[in-house]
């Protein structure tokens, strides 16, 4: 299981920063931002290999389930 920042959202934010730099802002003046979106990924194959069972409610809320 992994719970962390969304990779696609991070790349989108990189694009926003690049656009601001190309418009003339200095990189040192740009704020550091925390991720706004997080993703939960569950790997069922690994869980089964370890003898773990994942509740159906957690699987329903996961952003990605690897089987």
N, C-alpha and C. Protein backbone atom coordinates (compact mmCIF):
# COMPACT_ATOMS: atom_id res chain seq x y z
N UNK A 1 0.83 -1.16 0.00
CA UNK A 1 0.00 0.00 0.00
C UNK A 1 0.88 1.23 0.00
N UNK A 2 0.43 2.25 -0.70
CA UNK A 2 1.17 3.50 -0.76
C UNK A 2 0.17 4.65 -0.73
N UNK A 3 0.49 5.64 0.08
CA UNK A 3 -0.33 6.84 0.14
C UNK A 3 0.61 8.01 -0.01
N UNK A 4 0.51 8.72 -1.11
CA UNK A 4 1.42 9.83 -1.35
C UNK A 4 0.87 10.80 -2.37
N UNK A 5 1.68 11.75 -2.73
CA UNK A 5 1.23 12.78 -3.66
C UNK A 5 0.99 12.18 -5.04
N UNK A 6 0.05 12.74 -5.74
CA UNK A 6 -0.31 12.29 -7.08
C UNK A 6 0.75 12.75 -8.07
N UNK A 7 1.32 11.80 -8.81
CA UNK A 7 2.37 12.13 -9.78
C UNK A 7 1.83 13.03 -10.88
N UNK A 8 0.65 12.74 -11.39
CA UNK A 8 0.09 13.56 -12.47
C UNK A 8 -0.17 14.99 -11.99
N UNK A 9 -0.60 15.15 -10.76
CA UNK A 9 -0.83 16.49 -10.20
C UNK A 9 0.50 17.23 -10.03
N UNK A 10 1.54 16.51 -9.64
CA UNK A 10 2.86 17.14 -9.48
C UNK A 10 3.38 17.64 -10.83
N UNK A 11 3.23 16.86 -11.89
CA UNK A 11 3.66 17.31 -13.22
C UNK A 11 2.85 18.51 -13.70
N UNK A 12 1.58 18.54 -13.37
CA UNK A 12 0.75 19.69 -13.75
C UNK A 12 1.29 20.95 -13.06
N UNK A 13 1.65 20.81 -11.78
CA UNK A 13 2.16 21.95 -11.03
C UNK A 13 3.51 22.40 -11.58
N UNK A 14 4.33 21.46 -12.05
CA UNK A 14 5.60 21.82 -12.69
C UNK A 14 5.33 22.69 -13.91
N UNK A 15 4.33 22.33 -14.69
CA UNK A 15 3.97 23.12 -15.87
C UNK A 15 3.56 24.54 -15.50
N UNK A 16 2.82 24.68 -14.40
CA UNK A 16 2.39 26.01 -13.94
C UNK A 16 3.62 26.84 -13.56
N UNK A 17 4.57 26.22 -12.85
CA UNK A 17 5.78 26.93 -12.44
C UNK A 17 6.62 27.34 -13.65
N UNK A 18 6.76 26.45 -14.63
CA UNK A 18 7.53 26.77 -15.83
C UNK A 18 6.89 27.94 -16.56
N UNK A 19 5.57 27.95 -16.66
CA UNK A 19 4.88 29.06 -17.32
C UNK A 19 5.15 30.37 -16.59
N UNK A 20 5.15 30.34 -15.27
CA UNK A 20 5.41 31.57 -14.51
C UNK A 20 6.83 32.06 -14.72
N UNK A 21 7.79 31.13 -14.80
CA UNK A 21 9.18 31.51 -15.04
C UNK A 21 9.34 32.09 -16.45
N UNK A 22 8.70 31.48 -17.43
CA UNK A 22 8.79 31.97 -18.80
C UNK A 22 8.14 33.34 -18.96
N UNK A 23 7.20 33.66 -18.08
CA UNK A 23 6.55 34.98 -18.11
C UNK A 23 7.38 36.03 -17.38
N UNK A 24 8.53 35.63 -16.79
CA UNK A 24 9.42 36.60 -16.20
C UNK A 24 9.61 36.55 -14.70
N UNK A 25 8.89 35.69 -14.00
CA UNK A 25 9.09 35.62 -12.55
C UNK A 25 10.41 34.95 -12.24
N UNK A 26 11.05 35.38 -11.18
CA UNK A 26 12.30 34.77 -10.75
C UNK A 26 11.99 33.48 -9.98
N UNK A 27 12.70 32.40 -10.29
CA UNK A 27 12.44 31.13 -9.61
C UNK A 27 12.56 31.23 -8.09
N UNK A 28 13.46 32.06 -7.59
CA UNK A 28 13.63 32.22 -6.15
C UNK A 28 12.45 32.88 -5.48
N UNK A 29 11.60 33.55 -6.24
CA UNK A 29 10.42 34.21 -5.68
C UNK A 29 9.18 33.33 -5.68
N UNK A 30 9.26 32.16 -6.31
CA UNK A 30 8.10 31.27 -6.35
C UNK A 30 7.96 30.53 -5.03
N UNK A 31 6.75 30.39 -4.53
CA UNK A 31 6.56 29.71 -3.24
C UNK A 31 6.73 28.20 -3.35
N UNK A 32 7.12 27.60 -2.26
CA UNK A 32 7.16 26.14 -2.17
C UNK A 32 5.75 25.70 -1.78
N UNK A 33 5.22 24.75 -2.51
CA UNK A 33 3.85 24.33 -2.26
C UNK A 33 3.79 22.86 -1.87
N UNK A 34 2.91 22.54 -0.98
CA UNK A 34 2.65 21.15 -0.60
C UNK A 34 1.68 20.55 -1.62
N UNK A 35 1.72 19.25 -1.82
CA UNK A 35 0.78 18.62 -2.75
C UNK A 35 -0.66 18.88 -2.33
N UNK A 36 -1.51 19.08 -3.32
CA UNK A 36 -2.92 19.33 -3.05
C UNK A 36 -3.74 18.06 -3.18
N UNK A 37 -3.20 17.07 -3.89
CA UNK A 37 -3.94 15.83 -4.11
C UNK A 37 -3.04 14.64 -3.76
N UNK A 38 -3.61 13.71 -3.05
CA UNK A 38 -2.89 12.49 -2.65
C UNK A 38 -3.59 11.28 -3.26
N UNK A 39 -2.82 10.22 -3.47
CA UNK A 39 -3.37 9.01 -4.08
C UNK A 39 -3.07 7.80 -3.21
N UNK A 40 -4.05 6.91 -3.10
CA UNK A 40 -3.89 5.65 -2.36
C UNK A 40 -3.81 4.52 -3.39
N UNK A 41 -2.71 3.78 -3.34
CA UNK A 41 -2.51 2.64 -4.24
C UNK A 41 -2.39 1.38 -3.40
N UNK A 42 -3.11 0.34 -3.79
CA UNK A 42 -3.07 -0.94 -3.08
C UNK A 42 -2.62 -2.02 -4.05
N UNK A 43 -1.59 -2.80 -3.64
CA UNK A 43 -1.09 -3.89 -4.45
C UNK A 43 -1.61 -5.20 -3.85
N UNK A 44 -2.64 -5.77 -4.46
CA UNK A 44 -3.27 -6.98 -3.94
C UNK A 44 -2.37 -8.20 -4.08
N UNK A 45 -1.58 -8.26 -5.14
CA UNK A 45 -0.71 -9.41 -5.35
C UNK A 45 0.31 -9.52 -4.21
N UNK A 46 0.91 -8.41 -3.83
CA UNK A 46 1.87 -8.41 -2.73
C UNK A 46 1.17 -8.70 -1.41
N UNK A 47 -0.01 -8.12 -1.20
CA UNK A 47 -0.75 -8.37 0.04
C UNK A 47 -1.07 -9.85 0.18
N UNK A 48 -1.52 -10.48 -0.89
CA UNK A 48 -1.83 -11.92 -0.84
C UNK A 48 -0.56 -12.72 -0.58
N UNK A 49 0.55 -12.32 -1.18
CA UNK A 49 1.82 -13.01 -0.97
C UNK A 49 2.28 -12.94 0.48
N UNK A 50 1.93 -11.85 1.16
CA UNK A 50 2.27 -11.69 2.57
C UNK A 50 1.22 -12.27 3.50
N UNK A 51 0.14 -12.76 2.94
CA UNK A 51 -0.93 -13.34 3.74
C UNK A 51 -1.84 -12.31 4.37
N UNK A 52 -1.91 -11.14 3.77
CA UNK A 52 -2.77 -10.07 4.30
C UNK A 52 -4.06 -9.98 3.51
N UNK A 53 -5.12 -9.60 4.18
CA UNK A 53 -6.38 -9.34 3.48
C UNK A 53 -6.70 -7.86 3.62
N UNK A 54 -7.10 -7.27 2.53
CA UNK A 54 -7.43 -5.84 2.50
C UNK A 54 -8.95 -5.71 2.53
N UNK A 55 -9.49 -4.92 3.45
CA UNK A 55 -10.94 -4.75 3.52
C UNK A 55 -11.52 -4.15 2.23
N UNK A 56 -12.70 -4.60 1.88
CA UNK A 56 -13.37 -4.12 0.67
C UNK A 56 -13.59 -2.61 0.71
N UNK A 57 -13.84 -2.06 1.90
CA UNK A 57 -14.06 -0.61 2.00
C UNK A 57 -12.79 0.16 1.62
N UNK A 58 -11.61 -0.39 1.94
CA UNK A 58 -10.37 0.28 1.58
C UNK A 58 -10.12 0.18 0.08
N UNK A 59 -10.44 -0.97 -0.49
CA UNK A 59 -10.29 -1.14 -1.94
C UNK A 59 -11.23 -0.21 -2.70
N UNK A 60 -12.40 0.04 -2.15
CA UNK A 60 -13.36 0.93 -2.81
C UNK A 60 -12.89 2.38 -2.80
N UNK A 61 -12.12 2.77 -1.79
CA UNK A 61 -11.66 4.15 -1.71
C UNK A 61 -10.29 4.36 -2.36
N UNK A 62 -9.61 3.28 -2.75
CA UNK A 62 -8.29 3.39 -3.36
C UNK A 62 -8.39 4.03 -4.73
N UNK A 63 -7.39 4.84 -5.07
CA UNK A 63 -7.32 5.45 -6.39
C UNK A 63 -6.85 4.45 -7.43
N UNK A 64 -6.01 3.50 -7.01
CA UNK A 64 -5.50 2.47 -7.92
C UNK A 64 -5.36 1.16 -7.17
N UNK A 65 -5.80 0.07 -7.78
CA UNK A 65 -5.66 -1.26 -7.21
C UNK A 65 -4.89 -2.10 -8.21
N UNK A 66 -3.74 -2.62 -7.78
CA UNK A 66 -2.90 -3.46 -8.63
C UNK A 66 -3.22 -4.92 -8.29
N UNK A 67 -3.64 -5.67 -9.28
CA UNK A 67 -4.02 -7.07 -9.04
C UNK A 67 -2.98 -8.04 -9.51
